[in-house]
């Protein structure tokens, strides 16, 4: 008989907990449609902001690419000119100075 009362008390306690949980969930369910609408509005705003940023960023990136291409061209031209000068200087120094080394002194 005592075990049946213990089971009954346990089930009663569990029933009270379930009722409390159910009431809490029902209260949250009332608020849920408003929260969903707010979330959807925020998503739309977020998407619109991303689109605007993306368009601006895309334009800025294109301008940056043009600038980088020009800088690379200038750098390559500078390096090519430096290389040509070195080659010319080496060629003129090779023609004007006789080769003197440890074995050619004599």
PDB file of N, CA and C in Angstrom:
ATOM      1  N   UNK A   1       0.812  -1.190   0.000  1.00  0.00           N
ATOM      2  CA  UNK A   1       0.000   0.000   0.000  1.00  0.00           C
ATOM      3  C   UNK A   1       0.861   1.262   0.000  1.00  0.00           C
ATOM      4  N   UNK A   2       1.968   1.222   0.740  1.00  0.00           N
ATOM      5  CA  UNK A   2       2.874   2.373   0.825  1.00  0.00           C
ATOM      6  C   UNK A   2       3.528   2.634  -0.529  1.00  0.00           C
ATOM      7  N   UNK A   3       3.831   1.549  -1.250  1.00  0.00           N
ATOM      8  CA  UNK A   3       4.473   1.737  -2.555  1.00  0.00           C
ATOM      9  C   UNK A   3       3.503   2.353  -3.555  1.00  0.00           C
ATOM     10  N   UNK A   4       2.220   2.030  -3.460  1.00  0.00           N
ATOM     11  CA  UNK A   4       1.235   2.644  -4.343  1.00  0.00           C
ATOM     12  C   UNK A   4       1.105   4.134  -4.044  1.00  0.00           C
ATOM     13  N   UNK A   5       1.161   4.495  -2.772  1.00  0.00           N
ATOM     14  CA  UNK A   5       1.094   5.913  -2.412  1.00  0.00           C
ATOM     15  C   UNK A   5       2.341   6.650  -2.891  1.00  0.00           C
ATOM     16  N   UNK A   6       3.478   6.019  -2.833  1.00  0.00           N
ATOM     17  CA  UNK A   6       4.730   6.632  -3.310  1.00  0.00           C
ATOM     18  C   UNK A   6       4.660   6.845  -4.815  1.00  0.00           C
ATOM     19  N   UNK A   7       4.115   5.855  -5.502  1.00  0.00           N
ATOM     20  CA  UNK A   7       3.952   5.978  -6.959  1.00  0.00           C
ATOM     21  C   UNK A   7       2.963   7.095  -7.270  1.00  0.00           C
ATOM     22  N   UNK A   8       1.864   7.142  -6.512  1.00  0.00           N
ATOM     23  CA  UNK A   8       0.844   8.182  -6.732  1.00  0.00           C
ATOM     24  C   UNK A   8       1.455   9.562  -6.483  1.00  0.00           C
ATOM     25  N   UNK A   9       2.222   9.722  -5.407  1.00  0.00           N
ATOM     26  CA  UNK A   9       2.856  11.006  -5.093  1.00  0.00           C
ATOM     27  C   UNK A   9       3.852  11.396  -6.183  1.00  0.00           C
ATOM     28  N   UNK A  10       4.616  10.428  -6.646  1.00  0.00           N
ATOM     29  CA  UNK A  10       5.588  10.676  -7.713  1.00  0.00           C
ATOM     30  C   UNK A  10       4.895  11.113  -8.997  1.00  0.00           C
ATOM     31  N   UNK A  11       3.807  10.409  -9.334  1.00  0.00           N
ATOM     32  CA  UNK A  11       3.057  10.765 -10.544  1.00  0.00           C
ATOM     33  C   UNK A  11       2.389  12.128 -10.394  1.00  0.00           C
ATOM     34  N   UNK A  12       1.904  12.438  -9.204  1.00  0.00           N
ATOM     35  CA  UNK A  12       1.281  13.741  -8.964  1.00  0.00           C
ATOM     36  C   UNK A  12       2.313  14.854  -9.127  1.00  0.00           C
ATOM     37  N   UNK A  13       3.493  14.615  -8.571  1.00  0.00           N
ATOM     38  CA  UNK A  13       4.569  15.605  -8.695  1.00  0.00           C
ATOM     39  C   UNK A  13       4.961  15.791 -10.162  1.00  0.00           C
ATOM     40  N   UNK A  14       5.071  14.693 -10.886  1.00  0.00           N
ATOM     41  CA  UNK A  14       5.418  14.744 -12.306  1.00  0.00           C
ATOM     42  C   UNK A  14       4.320  15.462 -13.086  1.00  0.00           C
ATOM     43  N   UNK A  15       3.054  15.207 -12.733  1.00  0.00           N
ATOM     44  CA  UNK A  15       1.920  15.864 -13.392  1.00  0.00           C
ATOM     45  C   UNK A  15       1.976  17.371 -13.165  1.00  0.00           C
ATOM     46  N   UNK A  16       2.286  17.800 -11.958  1.00  0.00           N
ATOM     47  CA  UNK A  16       2.400  19.239 -11.658  1.00  0.00           C
ATOM     48  C   UNK A  16       3.520  19.864 -12.496  1.00  0.00           C
ATOM     49  N   UNK A  17       4.649  19.173 -12.581  1.00  0.00           N
ATOM     50  CA  UNK A  17       5.764  19.679 -13.378  1.00  0.00           C
ATOM     51  C   UNK A  17       5.381  19.786 -14.850  1.00  0.00           C
ATOM     52  N   UNK A  18       4.669  18.775 -15.348  1.00  0.00           N
ATOM     53  CA  UNK A  18       4.248  18.782 -16.752  1.00  0.00           C
ATOM     54  C   UNK A  18       3.247  19.904 -17.014  1.00  0.00           C
ATOM     55  N   UNK A  19       2.336  20.133 -16.086  1.00  0.00           N
ATOM     56  CA  UNK A  19       1.362  21.213 -16.247  1.00  0.00           C
ATOM     57  C   UNK A  19       2.079  22.565 -16.269  1.00  0.00           C
ATOM     58  N   UNK A  20       3.056  22.754 -15.367  1.00  0.00           N
ATOM     59  CA  UNK A  20       3.823  24.001 -15.335  1.00  0.00           C
ATOM     60  C   UNK A  20       4.583  24.205 -16.641  1.00  0.00           C
ATOM     61  N   UNK A  21       5.186  23.137 -17.119  1.00  0.00           N
ATOM     62  CA  UNK A  21       5.927  23.221 -18.369  1.00  0.00           C
ATOM     63  C   UNK A  21       4.988  23.529 -19.526  1.00  0.00           C
ATOM     64  N   UNK A  22       3.818  22.916 -19.527  1.00  0.00           N
ATOM     65  CA  UNK A  22       2.832  23.155 -20.575  1.00  0.00           C
ATOM     66  C   UNK A  22       2.379  24.608 -20.567  1.00  0.00           C
ATOM     67  N   UNK A  23       2.116  25.157 -19.386  1.00  0.00           N
ATOM     68  CA  UNK A  23       1.688  26.552 -19.279  1.00  0.00           C
ATOM     69  C   UNK A  23       2.788  27.496 -19.777  1.00  0.00           C
ATOM     70  N   UNK A  24       4.014  27.177 -19.423  1.00  0.00           N
ATOM     71  CA  UNK A  24       5.145  27.992 -19.875  1.00  0.00           C
ATOM     72  C   UNK A  24       5.258  27.958 -21.398  1.00  0.00           C
ATOM     73  N   UNK A  25       5.125  26.781 -21.973  1.00  0.00           N
ATOM     74  CA  UNK A  25       5.205  26.635 -23.426  1.00  0.00           C
ATOM     75  C   UNK A  25       4.042  27.338 -24.127  1.00  0.00           C
ATOM     76  N   UNK A  26       2.863  27.288 -23.524  1.00  0.00           N
ATOM     77  CA  UNK A  26       1.716  27.981 -24.105  1.00  0.00           C
ATOM     78  C   UNK A  26       1.937  29.492 -24.095  1.00  0.00           C
ATOM     79  N   UNK A  27       2.523  30.003 -23.011  1.00  0.00           N
ATOM     80  CA  UNK A  27       2.817  31.441 -22.942  1.00  0.00           C
ATOM     81  C   UNK A  27       3.851  31.831 -23.998  1.00  0.00           C
ATOM     82  N   UNK A  28       4.841  30.982 -24.181  1.00  0.00           N
ATOM     83  CA  UNK A  28       5.849  31.258 -25.205  1.00  0.00           C
ATOM     84  C   UNK A  28       5.254  31.151 -26.609  1.00  0.00           C
ATOM     85  N   UNK A  29       4.317  30.245 -26.795  1.00  0.00           N
ATOM     86  CA  UNK A  29       3.692  30.060 -28.106  1.00  0.00           C
ATOM     87  C   UNK A  29       2.880  31.289 -28.506  1.00  0.00           C
ATOM     88  N   UNK A  30       2.345  32.014 -27.524  1.00  0.00           N
ATOM     89  CA  UNK A  30       1.580  33.225 -27.822  1.00  0.00           C
ATOM     90  C   UNK A  30       2.507  34.303 -28.398  1.00  0.00           C
ATOM     91  N   UNK A  31       3.711  34.374 -27.879  1.00  0.00           N
ATOM     92  CA  UNK A  31       4.669  35.401 -28.291  1.00  0.00           C
ATOM     93  C   UNK A  31       5.382  35.026 -29.589  1.00  0.00           C
ATOM     94  N   UNK A  32       5.434  33.765 -29.907  1.00  0.00           N
ATOM     95  CA  UNK A  32       6.217  33.255 -31.025  1.00  0.00           C
ATOM     96  C   UNK A  32       5.882  33.898 -32.379  1.00  0.00           C
ATOM     97  N   UNK A  33       4.620  34.065 -32.772  1.00  0.00           N
ATOM     98  CA  UNK A  33       4.370  34.678 -34.083  1.00  0.00           C
ATOM     99  C   UNK A  33       4.960  36.087 -34.207  1.00  0.00           C
ATOM    100  N   UNK A  34       4.879  36.865 -33.147  1.00  0.00           N
ATOM    101  CA  UNK A  34       5.478  38.208 -33.178  1.00  0.00           C
ATOM    102  C   UNK A  34       6.982  38.157 -33.320  1.00  0.00           C
ATOM    103  N   UNK A  35       7.596  37.223 -32.613  1.00  0.00           N
ATOM    104  CA  UNK A  35       9.049  37.070 -32.700  1.00  0.00           C
ATOM    105  C   UNK A  35       9.454  36.618 -34.098  1.00  0.00           C
ATOM    106  N   UNK A  36       8.672  35.713 -34.663  1.00  0.00           N
ATOM    107  CA  UNK A  36       8.981  35.250 -36.030  1.00  0.00           C
ATOM    108  C   UNK A  36       8.873  36.394 -37.027  1.00  0.00           C
ATOM    109  N   UNK A  37       7.838  37.236 -36.886  1.00  0.00           N
ATOM    110  CA  UNK A  37       7.675  38.375 -37.795  1.00  0.00           C
ATOM    111  C   UNK A  37       8.843  39.354 -37.640  1.00  0.00           C
ATOM    112  N   UNK A  38       9.241  39.584 -36.414  1.00  0.00           N
ATOM    113  CA  UNK A  38      10.376  40.478 -36.149  1.00  0.00           C
ATOM    114  C   UNK A  38      11.660  39.908 -36.736  1.00  0.00           C
ATOM    115  N   UNK A  39      11.850  38.612 -36.587  1.00  0.00           N
ATOM    116  CA  UNK A  39      13.031  37.954 -37.144  1.00  0.00           C
ATOM    117  C   UNK A  39      13.047  38.077 -38.665  1.00  0.00           C
ATOM    118  N   UNK A  40      11.907  37.870 -39.280  1.00  0.00           N
ATOM    119  CA  UNK A  40      11.836  37.972 -40.742  1.00  0.00           C
ATOM    120  C   UNK A  40      12.140  39.393 -41.199  1.00  0.00           C
ATOM    121  N   UNK A  41      11.628  40.388 -40.483  1.00  0.00           N
ATOM    122  CA  UNK A  41      11.916  41.787 -40.830  1.00  0.00           C
ATOM    123  C   UNK A  41      13.414  42.072 -40.694  1.00  0.00           C
ATOM    124  N   UNK A  42      14.025  41.560 -39.644  1.00  0.00           N
ATOM    125  CA  UNK A  42      15.464  41.744 -39.454  1.00  0.00           C
ATOM    126  C   UNK A  42      16.261  41.042 -40.547  1.00  0.00           C
ATOM    127  N   UNK A  43      15.809  39.878 -40.943  1.00  0.00           N
ATOM    128  CA  UNK A  43      16.493  39.169 -42.044  1.00  0.00           C
ATOM    129  C   UNK A  43      16.427  39.964 -43.341  1.00  0.00           C
ATOM    130  N   UNK A  44      15.256  40.544 -43.619  1.00  0.00           N
ATOM    131  CA  UNK A  44      15.119  41.345 -44.848  1.00  0.00           C
ATOM    132  C   UNK A  44      16.039  42.563 -44.798  1.00  0.00           C
ATOM    133  N   UNK A  45      16.083  43.234 -43.651  1.00  0.00           N
ATOM    134  CA  UNK A  45      16.954  44.400 -43.510  1.00  0.00           C
ATOM    135  C   UNK A  45      18.420  43.998 -43.649  1.00  0.00           C
ATOM    136  N   UNK A  46      18.767  42.883 -43.032  1.00  0.00           N
ATOM    137  CA  UNK A  46      20.141  42.389 -43.093  1.00  0.00           C
ATOM    138  C   UNK A  46      20.523  42.064 -44.541  1.00  0.00           C
ATOM    139  N   UNK A  47      19.638  41.401 -45.246  1.00  0.00           N
ATOM    140  CA  UNK A  47      19.905  41.038 -46.639  1.00  0.00           C
ATOM    141  C   UNK A  47      20.052  42.296 -47.498  1.00  0.00           C
ATOM    142  N   UNK A  48      19.166  43.274 -47.281  1.00  0.00           N
ATOM    143  CA  UNK A  48      19.253  44.520 -48.044  1.00  0.00           C
ATOM    144  C   UNK A  48      20.574  45.239 -47.761  1.00  0.00           C
ATOM    145  N   UNK A  49      20.977  45.264 -46.500  1.00  0.00           N
ATOM    146  CA  UNK A  49      22.242  45.907 -46.146  1.00  0.00           C
ATOM    147  C   UNK A  49      23.416  45.184 -46.788  1.00  0.00           C
ATOM    148  N   UNK A  50      23.367  43.857 -46.792  1.00  0.00           N
ATOM    149  CA  UNK A  50      24.448  43.089 -47.418  1.00  0.00           C
ATOM    150  C   UNK A  50      24.518  43.360 -48.915  1.00  0.00           C
ATOM    151  N   UNK A  51      23.364  43.474 -49.550  1.00  0.00           N
ATOM    152  CA  UNK A  51      23.354  43.774 -50.977  1.00  0.00           C
ATOM    153  C   UNK A  51      23.978  45.134 -51.249  1.00  0.00           C
ATOM    154  N   UNK A  52      23.590  46.133 -50.442  1.00  0.00           N
ATOM    155  CA  UNK A  52      24.155  47.469 -50.627  1.00  0.00           C
ATOM    156  C   UNK A  52      25.660  47.467 -50.391  1.00  0.00           C
ATOM    157  N   UNK A  53      26.084  46.797 -49.359  1.00  0.00           N
ATOM    158  CA  UNK A  53      27.512  46.718 -49.066  1.00  0.00           C
ATOM    159  C   UNK A  53      28.240  45.970 -50.171  1.00  0.00           C
ATOM    160  N   UNK A  54      27.625  44.926 -50.652  1.00  0.00           N
ATOM    161  CA  UNK A  54      28.242  44.131 -51.708  1.00  0.00           C
ATOM    162  C   UNK A  54      28.432  44.938 -52.972  1.00  0.00           C
ATOM    163  N   UNK A  55      27.443  45.750 -53.321  1.00  0.00           N
ATOM    164  CA  UNK A  55      27.562  46.573 -54.517  1.00  0.00           C
ATOM    165  C   UNK A  55      28.670  47.604 -54.344  1.00  0.00           C
ATOM    166  N   UNK A  56      28.698  48.228 -53.161  1.00  0.00           N
ATOM    167  CA  UNK A  56      29.733  49.224 -52.908  1.00  0.00           C
ATOM    168  C   UNK A  56      31.096  48.566 -52.888  1.00  0.00           C
ATOM    169  N   UNK A  57      31.187  47.451 -52.195  1.00  0.00           N
ATOM    170  CA  UNK A  57      32.460  46.742 -52.111  1.00  0.00           C
ATOM    171  C   UNK A  57      32.921  46.278 -53.481  1.00  0.00           C
ATOM    172  N   UNK A  58      31.982  45.851 -54.298  1.00  0.00           N
ATOM    173  CA  UNK A  58      32.332  45.381 -55.638  1.00  0.00           C
ATOM    174  C   UNK A  58      32.933  46.522 -56.451  1.00  0.00           C
ATOM    175  N   UNK A  59      32.326  47.706 -56.360  1.00  0.00           N
ATOM    176  CA  UNK A  59      32.859  48.865 -57.082  1.00  0.00           C
ATOM    177  C   UNK A  59      34.240  49.237 -56.549  1.00  0.00           C
ATOM    178  N   UNK A  60      34.396  49.217 -55.232  1.00  0.00           N
ATOM    179  CA  UNK A  60      35.689  49.540 -54.648  1.00  0.00           C
ATOM    180  C   UNK A  60      36.739  48.507 -55.047  1.00  0.00           C
ATOM    181  N   UNK A  61      36.350  47.243 -55.072  1.00  0.00           N
ATOM    182  CA  UNK A  61      37.296  46.198 -55.458  1.00  0.00           C
ATOM    183  C   UNK A  61      37.734  46.355 -56.905  1.00  0.00           C
ATOM    184  N   UNK A  62      36.803  46.717 -57.773  1.00  0.00           N
ATOM    185  CA  UNK A  62      37.175  46.926 -59.179  1.00  0.00           C
ATOM    186  C   UNK A  62      38.170  48.080 -59.309  1.00  0.00           C
ATOM    187  N   UNK A  63      37.913  49.160 -58.565  1.00  0.00           N
ATOM    188  CA  UNK A  63      38.843  50.293 -58.597  1.00  0.00           C
ATOM    189  C   UNK A  63      40.201  49.875 -58.034  1.00  0.00           C
ATOM    190  N   UNK A  64      40.198  49.086 -56.976  1.00  0.00           N
ATOM    191  CA  UNK A  64      41.460  48.604 -56.400  1.00  0.00           C
ATOM    192  C   UNK A  64      42.226  47.735 -57.390  1.00  0.00           C
ATOM    193  N   UNK A  65      41.512  46.909 -58.115  1.00  0.00           N
ATOM    194  CA  UNK A  65      42.158  46.047 -59.108  1.00  0.00           C
ATOM    195  C   UNK A  65      42.813  46.883 -60.197  1.00  0.00           C
ATOM    196  N   UNK A  66      42.120  47.915 -60.657  1.00  0.00           N
ATOM    197  CA  UNK A  66      42.691  48.801 -61.675  1.00  0.00           C
ATOM    198  C   UNK A  66      43.960  49.457 -61.131  1.00  0.00           C
ATOM    199  N   UNK A  67      43.896  49.939 -59.888  1.00  0.00           N
ATOM    200  CA  UNK A  67      45.069  50.569 -59.272  1.00  0.00           C
ATOM    201  C   UNK A  67      46.226  49.578 -59.147  1.00  0.00           C
ATOM    202  N   UNK A  68      45.919  48.361 -58.717  1.00  0.00           N
ATOM    203  CA  UNK A  68      46.968  47.347 -58.561  1.00  0.00           C
ATOM    204  C   UNK A  68      47.609  46.997 -59.893  1.00  0.00           C
ATOM    205  N   UNK A  69      46.799  46.881 -60.930  1.00  0.00           N
ATOM    206  CA  UNK A  69      47.350  46.577 -62.254  1.00  0.00           C
ATOM    207  C   UNK A  69      48.322  47.666 -62.690  1.00  0.00           C
ATOM    208  N   UNK A  70      47.949  48.917 -62.457  1.00  0.00           N
ATOM    209  CA  UNK A  70      48.813  50.023 -62.836  1.00  0.00           C
ATOM    210  C   UNK A  70      50.107  50.006 -62.020  1.00  0.00           C
ATOM    211  N   UNK A  71      50.002  49.730 -60.743  1.00  0.00           N
ATOM    212  CA  UNK A  71      51.194  49.660 -59.900  1.00  0.00           C
ATOM    213  C   UNK A  71      52.110  48.518 -60.354  1.00  0.00           C
ATOM    214  N   UNK A  72      51.528  47.374 -60.694  1.00  0.00           N
ATOM    215  CA  UNK A  72      52.341  46.249 -61.176  1.00  0.00           C
ATOM    216  C   UNK A  72      53.022  46.592 -62.491  1.00  0.00           C
ATOM    217  N   UNK A  73      52.311  47.265 -63.383  1.00  0.00           N
ATOM    218  CA  UNK A  73      52.924  47.665 -64.660  1.00  0.00           C
ATOM    219  C   UNK A  73      54.121  48.587 -64.407  1.00  0.00           C
ATOM    220  N   UNK A  74      53.924  49.567 -63.532  1.00  0.00           N
ATOM    221  CA  UNK A  74      55.005  50.493 -63.213  1.00  0.00           C
ATOM    222  C   UNK A  74      56.187  49.753 -62.600  1.00  0.00           C
ATOM    223  N   UNK A  75      55.917  48.842 -61.699  1.00  0.00           N
ATOM    224  CA  UNK A  75      56.975  48.085 -61.046  1.00  0.00           C
ATOM    225  C   UNK A  75      57.730  47.223 -62.059  1.00  0.00           C
ATOM    226  N   UNK A  76      56.991  46.552 -62.929  1.00  0.00           N
ATOM    227  CA  UNK A  76      57.640  45.712 -63.953  1.00  0.00           C
ATOM    228  C   UNK A  76      58.490  46.578 -64.882  1.00  0.00           C
ATOM    229  N   UNK A  77      57.950  47.724 -65.303  1.00  0.00           N
ATOM    230  CA  UNK A  77      58.716  48.611 -66.172  1.00  0.00           C
ATOM    231  C   UNK A  77      59.983  49.101 -65.480  1.00  0.00           C
ATOM    232  N   UNK A  78      59.878  49.447 -64.214  1.00  0.00           N
ATOM    233  CA  UNK A  78      61.040  49.892 -63.453  1.00  0.00           C
ATOM    234  C   UNK A  78      62.087  48.786 -63.379  1.00  0.00           C
ATOM    235  N   UNK A  79      61.665  47.579 -63.077  1.00  0.00           N
ATOM    236  CA  UNK A  79      62.602  46.461 -62.974  1.00  0.00           C
ATOM    237  C   UNK A  79      63.243  46.137 -64.321  1.00  0.00           C
ATOM    238  N   UNK A  80      62.455  46.187 -65.386  1.00  0.00           N
ATOM    239  CA  UNK A  80      63.003  45.918 -66.726  1.00  0.00           C
ATOM    240  C   UNK A  80      64.038  46.975 -67.077  1.00  0.00           C
ATOM    241  N   UNK A  81      63.747  48.249 -66.786  1.00  0.00           N
ATOM    242  CA  UNK A  81      64.701  49.318 -67.085  1.00  0.00           C
ATOM    243  C   UNK A  81      65.975  49.159 -66.259  1.00  0.00           C
ATOM    244  N   UNK A  82      65.842  48.793 -64.985  1.00  0.00           N
ATOM    245  CA  UNK A  82      67.024  48.569 -64.154  1.00  0.00           C
ATOM    246  C   UNK A  82      67.852  47.406 -64.702  1.00  0.00           C
ATOM    247  N   UNK A  83      67.189  46.364 -65.123  1.00  0.00           N
ATOM    248  CA  UNK A  83      67.890  45.203 -65.676  1.00  0.00           C
ATOM    249  C   UNK A  83      68.636  45.588 -66.950  1.00  0.00           C
ATOM    250  N   UNK A  84      67.982  46.360 -67.815  1.00  0.00           N
ATOM    251  CA  UNK A  84      68.622  46.793 -69.070  1.00  0.00           C
ATOM    252  C   UNK A  84      69.862  47.634 -68.782  1.00  0.00           C
ATOM    253  N   UNK A  85      69.750  48.539 -67.798  1.00  0.00           N
ATOM    254  CA  UNK A  85      70.898  49.369 -67.450  1.00  0.00           C
ATOM    255  C   UNK A  85      72.052  48.517 -66.950  1.00  0.00           C
ATOM    256  N   UNK A  86      71.751  47.528 -66.129  1.00  0.00           N
ATOM    257  CA  UNK A  86      72.804  46.656 -65.617  1.00  0.00           C
ATOM    258  C   UNK A  86      73.457  45.876 -66.745  1.00  0.00           C
ATOM    259  N   UNK A  87      72.643  45.397 -67.657  1.00  0.00           N
ATOM    260  CA  UNK A  87      73.191  44.632 -68.784  1.00  0.00           C
ATOM    261  C   UNK A  87      74.070  45.541 -69.634  1.00  0.00           C
ATOM    262  N   UNK A  88      73.611  46.770 -69.890  1.00  0.00           N
ATOM    263  CA  UNK A  88      74.408  47.707 -70.696  1.00  0.00           C
ATOM    264  C   UNK A  88      75.702  48.076 -69.978  1.00  0.00           C
ATOM    265  N   UNK A  89      75.615  48.322 -68.678  1.00  0.00           N
ATOM    266  CA  UNK A  89      76.822  48.671 -67.923  1.00  0.00           C
ATOM    267  C   UNK A  89      77.803  47.510 -67.920  1.00  0.00           C
ATOM    268  N   UNK A  90      77.299  46.319 -67.785  1.00  0.00           N
ATOM    269  CA  UNK A  90      78.178  45.150 -67.777  1.00  0.00           C
ATOM    270  C   UNK A  90      78.823  44.970 -69.144  1.00  0.00           C
ATOM    271  N   UNK A  91      78.040  45.195 -70.190  1.00  0.00           N
ATOM    272  CA  UNK A  91      78.581  45.035 -71.541  1.00  0.00           C
ATOM    273  C   UNK A  91      79.662  46.073 -71.814  1.00  0.00           C
ATOM    274  N   UNK A  92      79.448  47.321 -71.405  1.00  0.00           N
ATOM    275  CA  UNK A  92      80.461  48.348 -71.641  1.00  0.00           C
ATOM    276  C   UNK A  92      81.684  48.144 -70.763  1.00  0.00           C
ATOM    277  N   UNK A  93      81.488  47.671 -69.548  1.00  0.00           N
ATOM    278  CA  UNK A  93      82.643  47.428 -68.677  1.00  0.00           C
ATOM    279  C   UNK A  93      83.440  46.225 -69.162  1.00  0.00           C
ATOM    280  N   UNK A  94      82.777  45.250 -69.747  1.00  0.00           N
ATOM    281  CA  UNK A  94      83.483  44.079 -70.287  1.00  0.00           C
ATOM    282  C   UNK A  94      84.334  44.481 -71.484  1.00  0.00           C
ATOM    283  N   UNK A  95      83.876  45.424 -72.297  1.00  0.00           N
ATOM    284  CA  UNK A  95      84.601  45.843 -73.487  1.00  0.00           C
ATOM    285  C   UNK A  95      85.772  46.760 -73.126  1.00  0.00           C
ATOM    286  N   UNK A  96      85.610  47.608 -72.143  1.00  0.00           N
ATOM    287  CA  UNK A  96      86.616  48.620 -71.845  1.00  0.00           C
ATOM    288  C   UNK A  96      87.720  48.123 -70.930  1.00  0.00           C
ATOM    289  N   UNK A  97      87.488  47.151 -70.104  1.00  0.00           N
ATOM    290  CA  UNK A  97      88.537  46.671 -69.180  1.00  0.00           C
ATOM    291  C   UNK A  97      89.007  45.313 -69.621  1.00  0.00           C
ATOM    292  N   UNK A  98      90.328  45.152 -69.685  1.00  0.00           N
ATOM    293  CA  UNK A  98      90.848  43.824 -70.038  1.00  0.00           C
ATOM    294  C   UNK A  98      90.653  42.893 -68.846  1.00  0.00           C
ATOM    295  N   UNK A  99      90.505  41.676 -69.170  1.00  0.00           N
ATOM    296  CA  UNK A  99      90.317  40.693 -68.114  1.00  0.00           C
ATOM    297  C   UNK A  99      91.640  40.489 -67.406  1.00  0.00           C
ATOM    298  N   UNK A 100      91.641  40.834 -66.170  1.00  0.00           N
ATOM    299  CA  UNK A 100      92.851  40.567 -65.385  1.00  0.00           C
ATOM    300  C   UNK A 100      92.454  39.726 -64.209  1.00  0.00           C
ATOM    301  N   UNK A 101      93.051  38.622 -64.133  1.00  0.00           N
ATOM    302  CA  UNK A 101      92.771  37.718 -63.055  1.00  0.00           C
ATOM    303  C   UNK A 101      94.075  37.211 -62.485  1.00  0.00           C
ATOM    304  N   UNK A 102      94.050  36.307 -61.591  1.00  0.00           N
ATOM    305  CA  UNK A 102      95.293  35.817 -60.996  1.00  0.00           C
ATOM    306  C   UNK A 102      96.164  35.083 -62.010  1.00  0.00           C
ATOM    307  N   UNK A 103      95.563  34.576 -63.078  1.00  0.00           N
ATOM    308  CA  UNK A 103      96.336  33.787 -64.053  1.00  0.00           C
ATOM    309  C   UNK A 103      96.743  34.624 -65.259  1.00  0.00           C
ATOM    310  N   UNK A 104      96.194  35.875 -65.386  1.00  0.00           N
ATOM    311  CA  UNK A 104      96.472  36.691 -66.552  1.00  0.00           C
ATOM    312  C   UNK A 104      97.457  37.833 -66.233  1.00  0.00           C
ATOM    313  N   UNK A 105      98.151  37.821 -65.156  1.00  0.00           N
ATOM    314  CA  UNK A 105      99.032  38.946 -64.803  1.00  0.00           C
ATOM    315  C   UNK A 105     100.412  38.706 -65.399  1.00  0.00           C
ATOM    316  N   UNK A 106     100.663  39.225 -66.444  1.00  0.00           N
ATOM    317  CA  UNK A 106     101.922  38.884 -66.871  1.00  0.00           C
ATOM    318  C   UNK A 106     102.651  39.409 -67.906  1.00  0.00           C
TER     319      UNK A 106
END
